[in-house]
């Protein structure tokens, strides 16, 4: 209810890893590199790059794995989650973003959207029903 929400803009820093789990569940993870830049004293100054681990689940995981490639500009929104453990008697903490939304950052280019057949508001298509042709909406 009171989760910490975070939005990242950056670039995909490597391959998206997709794992299929039991009962049709899926999880994907990838890294995002965020490098700030500021216009200061008449020139652009680049800051230090920060790296963030992103985890996505189920349908979003499959869409992310099919849509993102290394270097793609992305916007990621989700919950910031801390993982705390102990190593050599010292407490360690790492953070990851469990994403609820992921998309290409369109300030860097264009993207084409393809709706998943299973996502129509009317619910799943009846057995034997044909999917709409590219560029058409379901009736």
C-alpha atoms as a PDB file:
ATOM      1  CA  UNK A   1       0.000   0.000   0.000  1.00  0.00           C
ATOM      2  CA  UNK A   2       2.782   2.421   0.871  1.00  0.00           C
ATOM      3  CA  UNK A   3       5.430   1.001  -1.428  1.00  0.00           C
ATOM      4  CA  UNK A   4       8.180   3.247  -2.709  1.00  0.00           C
ATOM      5  CA  UNK A   5       7.502   3.898  -6.398  1.00  0.00           C
ATOM      6  CA  UNK A   6      10.328   4.797  -8.759  1.00  0.00           C
ATOM      7  CA  UNK A   7      10.621   5.774 -12.414  1.00  0.00           C
ATOM      8  CA  UNK A   8      13.906   5.250 -14.273  1.00  0.00           C
ATOM      9  CA  UNK A   9      14.937   6.498 -17.684  1.00  0.00           C
ATOM     10  CA  UNK A  10      18.051   5.007 -19.187  1.00  0.00           C
ATOM     11  CA  UNK A  11      19.340   2.356 -21.548  1.00  0.00           C
ATOM     12  CA  UNK A  12      19.099  -1.412 -21.407  1.00  0.00           C
ATOM     13  CA  UNK A  13      22.553  -2.525 -20.283  1.00  0.00           C
ATOM     14  CA  UNK A  14      22.585  -6.123 -21.537  1.00  0.00           C
ATOM     15  CA  UNK A  15      20.404  -9.003 -22.621  1.00  0.00           C
ATOM     16  CA  UNK A  16      16.976  -9.489 -21.086  1.00  0.00           C
ATOM     17  CA  UNK A  17      16.871 -12.852 -19.292  1.00  0.00           C
ATOM     18  CA  UNK A  18      13.489 -14.625 -19.417  1.00  0.00           C
ATOM     19  CA  UNK A  19      12.738 -17.674 -17.257  1.00  0.00           C
ATOM     20  CA  UNK A  20       9.566 -19.711 -17.555  1.00  0.00           C
ATOM     21  CA  UNK A  21       8.404 -20.919 -14.144  1.00  0.00           C
ATOM     22  CA  UNK A  22       5.817 -23.455 -13.002  1.00  0.00           C
ATOM     23  CA  UNK A  23       2.115 -22.954 -13.695  1.00  0.00           C
ATOM     24  CA  UNK A  24       2.658 -20.664 -16.714  1.00  0.00           C
ATOM     25  CA  UNK A  25       4.413 -17.927 -14.752  1.00  0.00           C
ATOM     26  CA  UNK A  26       7.423 -16.077 -16.152  1.00  0.00           C
ATOM     27  CA  UNK A  27      10.025 -13.678 -14.807  1.00  0.00           C
ATOM     28  CA  UNK A  28      12.437 -11.506 -16.762  1.00  0.00           C
ATOM     29  CA  UNK A  29      15.295  -9.386 -15.522  1.00  0.00           C
ATOM     30  CA  UNK A  30      17.575  -6.812 -17.083  1.00  0.00           C
ATOM     31  CA  UNK A  31      19.856  -3.952 -16.099  1.00  0.00           C
ATOM     32  CA  UNK A  32      19.277  -0.280 -16.830  1.00  0.00           C
ATOM     33  CA  UNK A  33      22.111   2.235 -17.039  1.00  0.00           C
ATOM     34  CA  UNK A  34      21.128   5.779 -16.071  1.00  0.00           C
ATOM     35  CA  UNK A  35      23.594   8.524 -16.964  1.00  0.00           C
ATOM     36  CA  UNK A  36      22.521  12.048 -16.033  1.00  0.00           C
ATOM     37  CA  UNK A  37      23.548  15.013 -18.137  1.00  0.00           C
ATOM     38  CA  UNK A  38      23.120  18.678 -17.292  1.00  0.00           C
ATOM     39  CA  UNK A  39      23.622  21.848 -19.278  1.00  0.00           C
ATOM     40  CA  UNK A  40      26.038  23.886 -17.184  1.00  0.00           C
ATOM     41  CA  UNK A  41      27.990  27.011 -18.117  1.00  0.00           C
ATOM     42  CA  UNK A  42      27.228  26.668 -21.823  1.00  0.00           C
ATOM     43  CA  UNK A  43      28.099  22.979 -22.198  1.00  0.00           C
ATOM     44  CA  UNK A  44      26.672  19.534 -21.489  1.00  0.00           C
ATOM     45  CA  UNK A  45      28.208  17.790 -18.483  1.00  0.00           C
ATOM     46  CA  UNK A  46      27.771  14.028 -18.081  1.00  0.00           C
ATOM     47  CA  UNK A  47      27.451  12.590 -14.588  1.00  0.00           C
ATOM     48  CA  UNK A  48      28.293   9.160 -13.198  1.00  0.00           C
ATOM     49  CA  UNK A  49      26.315   6.192 -14.528  1.00  0.00           C
ATOM     50  CA  UNK A  50      24.171   4.317 -12.026  1.00  0.00           C
ATOM     51  CA  UNK A  51      23.082   0.726 -12.717  1.00  0.00           C
ATOM     52  CA  UNK A  52      19.726  -0.687 -11.669  1.00  0.00           C
ATOM     53  CA  UNK A  53      18.363  -4.231 -11.758  1.00  0.00           C
ATOM     54  CA  UNK A  54      14.798  -4.524 -13.035  1.00  0.00           C
ATOM     55  CA  UNK A  55      12.557  -7.553 -12.590  1.00  0.00           C
ATOM     56  CA  UNK A  56       9.243  -8.059 -14.418  1.00  0.00           C
ATOM     57  CA  UNK A  57       6.654 -10.809 -14.084  1.00  0.00           C
ATOM     58  CA  UNK A  58       4.315 -12.862 -16.266  1.00  0.00           C
ATOM     59  CA  UNK A  59       2.803 -11.196 -19.363  1.00  0.00           C
ATOM     60  CA  UNK A  60       4.924  -8.060 -18.948  1.00  0.00           C
ATOM     61  CA  UNK A  61       8.037 -10.255 -18.654  1.00  0.00           C
ATOM     62  CA  UNK A  62       7.265 -11.955 -21.972  1.00  0.00           C
ATOM     63  CA  UNK A  63       6.558  -8.616 -23.679  1.00  0.00           C
ATOM     64  CA  UNK A  64       9.781  -7.084 -22.336  1.00  0.00           C
ATOM     65  CA  UNK A  65      11.829 -10.084 -23.520  1.00  0.00           C
ATOM     66  CA  UNK A  66      10.292  -9.818 -26.998  1.00  0.00           C
ATOM     67  CA  UNK A  67      10.623  -6.028 -27.232  1.00  0.00           C
ATOM     68  CA  UNK A  68      13.855  -4.828 -25.615  1.00  0.00           C
ATOM     69  CA  UNK A  69      17.438  -5.147 -26.792  1.00  0.00           C
ATOM     70  CA  UNK A  70      20.771  -4.037 -25.403  1.00  0.00           C
ATOM     71  CA  UNK A  71      21.154  -0.270 -25.734  1.00  0.00           C
ATOM     72  CA  UNK A  72      17.441   0.498 -26.155  1.00  0.00           C
ATOM     73  CA  UNK A  73      16.307   3.669 -24.375  1.00  0.00           C
ATOM     74  CA  UNK A  74      13.658   2.744 -21.794  1.00  0.00           C
ATOM     75  CA  UNK A  75      11.341   4.153 -19.173  1.00  0.00           C
ATOM     76  CA  UNK A  76      10.702   1.804 -16.241  1.00  0.00           C
ATOM     77  CA  UNK A  77       8.151   2.374 -13.481  1.00  0.00           C
ATOM     78  CA  UNK A  78       7.652   0.148 -10.461  1.00  0.00           C
ATOM     79  CA  UNK A  79       8.271  -0.624  -6.809  1.00  0.00           C
ATOM     80  CA  UNK A  80      11.710  -0.202  -5.266  1.00  0.00           C
ATOM     81  CA  UNK A  81      12.438  -3.375  -3.279  1.00  0.00           C
ATOM     82  CA  UNK A  82      15.333  -3.925  -0.863  1.00  0.00           C
ATOM     83  CA  UNK A  83      16.936  -7.362  -0.503  1.00  0.00           C
ATOM     84  CA  UNK A  84      18.812  -7.666   2.794  1.00  0.00           C
ATOM     85  CA  UNK A  85      21.136 -10.564   3.691  1.00  0.00           C
ATOM     86  CA  UNK A  86      24.205 -11.250   5.770  1.00  0.00           C
ATOM     87  CA  UNK A  87      27.691 -12.077   4.433  1.00  0.00           C
ATOM     88  CA  UNK A  88      30.726 -12.618   6.653  1.00  0.00           C
ATOM     89  CA  UNK A  89      28.782 -11.253   9.617  1.00  0.00           C
ATOM     90  CA  UNK A  90      27.984  -7.972   7.840  1.00  0.00           C
ATOM     91  CA  UNK A  91      24.575  -6.926   6.642  1.00  0.00           C
ATOM     92  CA  UNK A  92      24.353  -6.419   2.870  1.00  0.00           C
ATOM     93  CA  UNK A  93      21.583  -4.655   0.966  1.00  0.00           C
ATOM     94  CA  UNK A  94      20.774  -4.511  -2.720  1.00  0.00           C
ATOM     95  CA  UNK A  95      17.865  -2.810  -4.435  1.00  0.00           C
ATOM     96  CA  UNK A  96      15.858  -3.798  -7.490  1.00  0.00           C
ATOM     97  CA  UNK A  97      12.861  -2.372  -9.274  1.00  0.00           C
ATOM     98  CA  UNK A  98       9.877  -4.685  -9.679  1.00  0.00           C
ATOM     99  CA  UNK A  99       8.367  -3.055 -12.744  1.00  0.00           C
ATOM    100  CA  UNK A 100       4.682  -2.471 -13.342  1.00  0.00           C
ATOM    101  CA  UNK A 101       5.292  -0.625 -16.636  1.00  0.00           C
ATOM    102  CA  UNK A 102       8.149  -0.663 -19.159  1.00  0.00           C
ATOM    103  CA  UNK A 103       8.381   1.084 -22.501  1.00  0.00           C
ATOM    104  CA  UNK A 104      10.734   2.590 -25.034  1.00  0.00           C
ATOM    105  CA  UNK A 105      11.772   6.175 -24.246  1.00  0.00           C
ATOM    106  CA  UNK A 106      10.411   8.021 -27.273  1.00  0.00           C
ATOM    107  CA  UNK A 107      12.561  11.106 -26.694  1.00  0.00           C
ATOM    108  CA  UNK A 108      15.278   9.105 -28.477  1.00  0.00           C
ATOM    109  CA  UNK A 109      13.330   7.732 -31.450  1.00  0.00           C
ATOM    110  CA  UNK A 110      10.118   6.079 -32.553  1.00  0.00           C
ATOM    111  CA  UNK A 111       8.552   2.748 -31.755  1.00  0.00           C
ATOM    112  CA  UNK A 112       5.743   0.662 -33.217  1.00  0.00           C
ATOM    113  CA  UNK A 113       3.156  -0.900 -30.931  1.00  0.00           C
ATOM    114  CA  UNK A 114       1.669  -4.324 -31.599  1.00  0.00           C
ATOM    115  CA  UNK A 115      -1.258  -5.320 -29.398  1.00  0.00           C
ATOM    116  CA  UNK A 116      -1.224  -8.827 -28.012  1.00  0.00           C
ATOM    117  CA  UNK A 117      -4.315 -10.782 -29.104  1.00  0.00           C
ATOM    118  CA  UNK A 118      -4.931 -11.896 -25.493  1.00  0.00           C
ATOM    119  CA  UNK A 119      -5.063  -8.292 -24.250  1.00  0.00           C
ATOM    120  CA  UNK A 120      -8.351  -7.181 -25.802  1.00  0.00           C
ATOM    121  CA  UNK A 121     -10.694  -5.634 -23.288  1.00  0.00           C
ATOM    122  CA  UNK A 122     -13.495  -7.965 -24.360  1.00  0.00           C
ATOM    123  CA  UNK A 123     -11.529 -10.888 -22.932  1.00  0.00           C
ATOM    124  CA  UNK A 124     -10.021 -13.863 -24.693  1.00  0.00           C
ATOM    125  CA  UNK A 125     -11.199 -14.629 -28.204  1.00  0.00           C
ATOM    126  CA  UNK A 126     -13.593 -17.570 -28.537  1.00  0.00           C
ATOM    127  CA  UNK A 127     -12.053 -20.830 -29.704  1.00  0.00           C
ATOM    128  CA  UNK A 128     -11.579 -20.786 -33.468  1.00  0.00           C
ATOM    129  CA  UNK A 129     -11.938 -16.996 -33.759  1.00  0.00           C
ATOM    130  CA  UNK A 130      -9.483 -15.295 -36.079  1.00  0.00           C
ATOM    131  CA  UNK A 131      -7.185 -12.597 -34.759  1.00  0.00           C
ATOM    132  CA  UNK A 132      -7.613  -9.113 -36.304  1.00  0.00           C
ATOM    133  CA  UNK A 133      -5.319  -8.285 -39.204  1.00  0.00           C
ATOM    134  CA  UNK A 134      -2.340  -6.007 -38.544  1.00  0.00           C
ATOM    135  CA  UNK A 135      -3.473  -2.438 -38.016  1.00  0.00           C
ATOM    136  CA  UNK A 136      -7.106  -3.420 -37.295  1.00  0.00           C
ATOM    137  CA  UNK A 137      -8.947  -3.437 -33.993  1.00  0.00           C
ATOM    138  CA  UNK A 138     -11.075  -6.318 -32.840  1.00  0.00           C
ATOM    139  CA  UNK A 139     -14.810  -5.728 -33.301  1.00  0.00           C
END
